[in-house]
Amino acid sequence: MRLTSITTRLGLLALLFVLLGVLADEGLWEGASSTVLDTPMLADAMFGAWSLPLALLGVLLAVAMIGAAYLVRDERFENLVWQESGLDVAAIKAMGASTMEGDELTRFAAYLNQSGQDVASFFATIDLDASGTIDVVEFEAALRRAGIDHLAFRDVDALLRSLDVNGTGQLDLPELHNLMLRYGADGGEEE
């Protein structure tokens, strides 16, 4: 955050020096011009001589807006803490902390083994919309069914994204099957 702020300030200072250098050029101010400035001449000046300073200004304004968004977010958090008298700062920060214990997938595989289900039949029962993939809502329901109900929704989403091999944001049957084999679940394949 501070790096963004410092970068923006230094960039604006550099832009100011560039603009002052252009304006201090004596050739710009020598004699009056009889040329009337029209739209094509202005466009030529903006996309020619002034293109680099304008691009620099655009980048700096974008960085400044990103910095301002972080400041607003931080200020809203501080206001929440101070306005709500019964809230503890540590308790609020803990709400954003992960609730994953690290053994969720092992417990999920153990549930499949204990229930006697193979991965394909279990997949069919949790694929509620019959899309052939499991989204985060369906994955959360599957984990809760397996007795893993302590995870916050954001942790379920993070877990699903970490398991999603092909990057679709959803699990398909081969991904779930390979995952469960890795964690010791019976694949349910007949010999």
Protein backbone atom coordinates (compact mmCIF):
# COMPACT_ATOMS: atom_id res chain seq x y z
CA MET A 1 0.00 0.00 0.00
CA ARG A 2 2.76 2.41 0.91
CA LEU A 3 4.72 1.42 -2.19
CA THR A 4 1.70 2.28 -4.34
CA SER A 5 1.37 5.65 -2.63
CA ILE A 6 5.06 6.46 -2.97
CA THR A 7 5.11 5.34 -6.61
CA THR A 8 2.11 7.51 -7.42
CA ARG A 9 3.62 10.57 -5.74
CA LEU A 10 6.96 10.14 -7.48
CA GLY A 11 5.22 9.61 -10.81
CA LEU A 12 3.12 12.75 -10.39
CA LEU A 13 6.23 14.69 -9.47
CA ALA A 14 8.01 13.37 -12.58
CA LEU A 15 4.99 14.31 -14.71
CA LEU A 16 5.03 17.80 -13.22
CA PHE A 17 8.70 18.21 -14.18
CA VAL A 18 8.01 17.00 -17.73
CA LEU A 19 5.13 19.45 -18.10
CA LEU A 20 7.15 22.33 -16.62
CA GLY A 21 9.99 21.49 -19.01
CA VAL A 22 7.64 21.68 -21.98
CA LEU A 23 6.06 24.91 -20.77
CA ALA A 24 9.45 26.48 -20.03
CA ASP A 25 10.58 25.98 -23.64
CA GLU A 26 11.15 29.47 -25.09
CA GLY A 27 10.17 28.36 -28.58
CA LEU A 28 6.66 27.76 -27.35
CA TRP A 29 6.19 31.36 -26.28
CA GLU A 30 8.07 33.27 -28.99
CA GLY A 31 5.80 35.47 -31.01
CA ALA A 32 2.09 35.21 -31.56
CA SER A 33 0.77 32.56 -33.88
CA SER A 34 -1.85 33.31 -36.48
CA THR A 35 -2.81 29.65 -36.73
CA VAL A 36 -6.21 28.78 -35.38
CA LEU A 37 -6.26 25.59 -33.34
CA ASP A 38 -8.79 23.12 -34.73
CA THR A 39 -9.74 19.56 -33.76
CA PRO A 40 -7.29 17.70 -36.07
CA MET A 41 -4.40 19.84 -34.81
CA LEU A 42 -5.39 19.19 -31.20
CA ALA A 43 -5.66 15.46 -31.88
CA ASP A 44 -2.25 15.47 -33.56
CA ALA A 45 -0.74 17.26 -30.56
CA MET A 46 -2.39 14.87 -28.08
CA PHE A 47 -1.42 11.69 -29.94
CA GLY A 48 1.97 12.99 -31.01
CA ALA A 49 3.93 15.26 -28.75
CA TRP A 50 1.74 14.79 -25.67
CA SER A 51 1.15 11.02 -25.91
CA LEU A 52 3.82 10.00 -23.38
CA PRO A 53 2.79 12.50 -20.67
CA LEU A 54 -0.89 11.61 -21.16
CA ALA A 55 -0.19 7.88 -20.96
CA LEU A 56 1.89 8.45 -17.84
CA LEU A 57 -0.91 10.52 -16.32
CA GLY A 58 -3.43 7.74 -17.09
CA VAL A 59 -1.27 5.09 -15.44
CA LEU A 60 -0.69 7.27 -12.39
CA LEU A 61 -4.39 8.02 -12.03
CA ALA A 62 -5.18 4.29 -12.24
CA VAL A 63 -2.61 3.54 -9.53
CA ALA A 64 -4.03 6.36 -7.43
CA MET A 65 -7.54 4.93 -7.75
CA ILE A 66 -6.33 1.50 -6.65
CA GLY A 67 -4.63 3.09 -3.65
CA ALA A 68 -7.79 5.03 -2.84
CA ALA A 69 -9.84 1.82 -2.91
CA TYR A 70 -7.52 0.25 -0.34
CA LEU A 71 -7.74 3.34 1.84
CA VAL A 72 -11.53 3.29 1.74
CA ARG A 73 -11.58 -0.41 2.63
CA ASP A 74 -9.23 0.12 5.58
CA GLU A 75 -11.19 3.15 6.76
CA ARG A 76 -14.47 1.24 6.61
CA PHE A 77 -12.96 -1.50 8.75
CA GLU A 78 -11.69 0.99 11.33
CA ASN A 79 -15.08 2.74 11.42
CA LEU A 80 -16.80 -0.60 11.98
CA VAL A 81 -14.50 -1.37 14.87
CA TRP A 82 -14.96 2.01 16.53
CA GLN A 83 -18.70 2.37 15.95
CA GLU A 84 -19.71 -1.04 17.20
CA SER A 85 -18.95 -0.82 20.88
CA GLY A 86 -19.15 -4.51 21.73
CA LEU A 87 -16.80 -5.72 19.00
CA ASP A 88 -13.28 -6.88 19.66
CA VAL A 89 -10.65 -6.10 16.99
CA ALA A 90 -9.06 -9.55 17.35
CA ALA A 91 -12.47 -11.23 16.99
CA ILE A 92 -13.20 -9.33 13.79
CA LYS A 93 -9.81 -10.21 12.31
CA ALA A 94 -10.37 -13.86 13.30
CA MET A 95 -13.58 -13.88 11.22
CA GLY A 96 -11.40 -13.54 8.13
CA ALA A 97 -9.09 -16.36 9.21
CA SER A 98 -9.28 -19.78 7.63
CA THR A 99 -11.07 -22.58 9.46
CA MET A 100 -9.40 -25.39 7.51
CA GLU A 101 -7.59 -27.96 9.59
CA GLY A 102 -5.79 -29.64 6.70
CA ASP A 103 -7.28 -33.13 7.05
CA GLU A 104 -10.61 -32.46 5.34
CA LEU A 105 -9.83 -34.49 2.24
CA THR A 106 -8.57 -37.45 4.26
CA ARG A 107 -11.79 -37.36 6.29
CA PHE A 108 -13.81 -37.09 3.07
CA ALA A 109 -12.05 -40.17 1.63
CA ALA A 110 -12.63 -42.04 4.90
CA TYR A 111 -16.34 -41.18 4.70
CA LEU A 112 -16.51 -42.68 1.20
CA ASN A 113 -14.78 -45.86 2.41
CA GLN A 114 -17.01 -46.20 5.48
CA SER A 115 -20.21 -45.58 3.57
CA GLY A 116 -19.26 -48.18 0.95
CA GLN A 117 -19.84 -45.78 -1.94
CA ASP A 118 -17.65 -45.56 -4.96
CA VAL A 119 -16.64 -42.15 -6.25
CA ALA A 120 -18.85 -42.31 -9.36
CA SER A 121 -22.07 -43.09 -7.47
CA PHE A 122 -21.28 -40.49 -4.81
CA PHE A 123 -20.54 -37.95 -7.56
CA ALA A 124 -23.94 -38.66 -9.12
CA THR A 125 -25.69 -38.02 -5.79
CA ILE A 126 -23.93 -34.70 -5.13
CA ASP A 127 -24.15 -33.34 -8.68
CA LEU A 128 -27.50 -31.74 -7.90
CA ASP A 129 -27.99 -29.98 -11.22
CA ALA A 130 -26.78 -32.99 -13.28
CA SER A 131 -24.25 -30.77 -15.06
CA GLY A 132 -21.42 -33.31 -14.88
CA THR A 133 -19.44 -30.99 -12.63
CA ILE A 134 -19.53 -30.06 -8.96
CA ASP A 135 -19.58 -26.37 -8.16
CA VAL A 136 -18.73 -24.84 -4.80
CA VAL A 137 -22.30 -25.10 -3.45
CA GLU A 138 -22.52 -28.79 -4.34
CA PHE A 139 -19.01 -29.40 -2.95
CA GLU A 140 -19.96 -27.72 0.33
CA ALA A 141 -23.06 -29.95 0.54
CA ALA A 142 -20.88 -33.02 -0.10
CA LEU A 143 -18.44 -32.04 2.64
CA ARG A 144 -21.29 -31.40 5.10
CA ARG A 145 -22.75 -34.79 4.21
CA ALA A 146 -19.38 -36.33 5.06
CA GLY A 147 -19.44 -34.62 8.46
CA ILE A 148 -17.02 -31.86 7.53
CA ASP A 149 -19.22 -28.95 8.48
CA HIS A 150 -16.81 -26.58 10.20
CA LEU A 151 -15.58 -24.91 7.01
CA ALA A 152 -16.64 -21.40 6.08
CA PHE A 153 -17.92 -20.96 2.52
CA ARG A 154 -14.76 -19.06 1.49
CA ASP A 155 -12.65 -22.00 2.70
CA VAL A 156 -14.77 -24.48 0.74
CA ASP A 157 -14.31 -22.28 -2.33
CA ALA A 158 -10.53 -22.07 -1.74
CA LEU A 159 -10.35 -25.83 -1.26
CA LEU A 160 -12.31 -26.50 -4.45
CA ARG A 161 -10.12 -24.12 -6.45
CA SER A 162 -6.98 -25.78 -5.12
CA LEU A 163 -8.30 -29.19 -6.23
CA ASP A 164 -9.52 -28.02 -9.63
CA VAL A 165 -6.85 -29.38 -11.98
CA ASN A 166 -8.19 -27.98 -15.24
CA GLY A 167 -8.99 -24.50 -13.88
CA THR A 168 -12.73 -24.45 -14.62
CA GLY A 169 -13.72 -23.53 -11.07
CA GLN A 170 -15.58 -26.84 -10.76
CA LEU A 171 -14.70 -30.47 -10.12
CA ASP A 172 -15.54 -33.11 -12.68
CA LEU A 173 -15.68 -36.86 -12.08
CA PRO A 174 -12.10 -37.65 -13.19
CA GLU A 175 -10.71 -34.89 -10.95
CA LEU A 176 -12.69 -36.13 -7.94
CA HIS A 177 -11.83 -39.77 -8.67
CA ASN A 178 -8.09 -39.09 -8.91
CA LEU A 179 -8.23 -36.92 -5.82
CA MET A 180 -9.98 -39.57 -3.75
CA LEU A 181 -7.53 -42.25 -4.92
CA ARG A 182 -4.71 -40.00 -3.74
CA TYR A 183 -6.31 -39.70 -0.31
CA GLY A 184 -7.02 -43.39 0.10
CA ALA A 185 -10.64 -43.75 -0.94
CA ASP A 186 -11.65 -46.91 -2.73
CA GLY A 187 -12.08 -46.08 -6.39
CA GLY A 188 -14.95 -48.49 -6.70
CA GLU A 189 -13.56 -50.10 -9.83
CA GLU A 190 -14.62 -53.66 -10.49
CA GLU A 191 -12.01 -56.19 -11.51
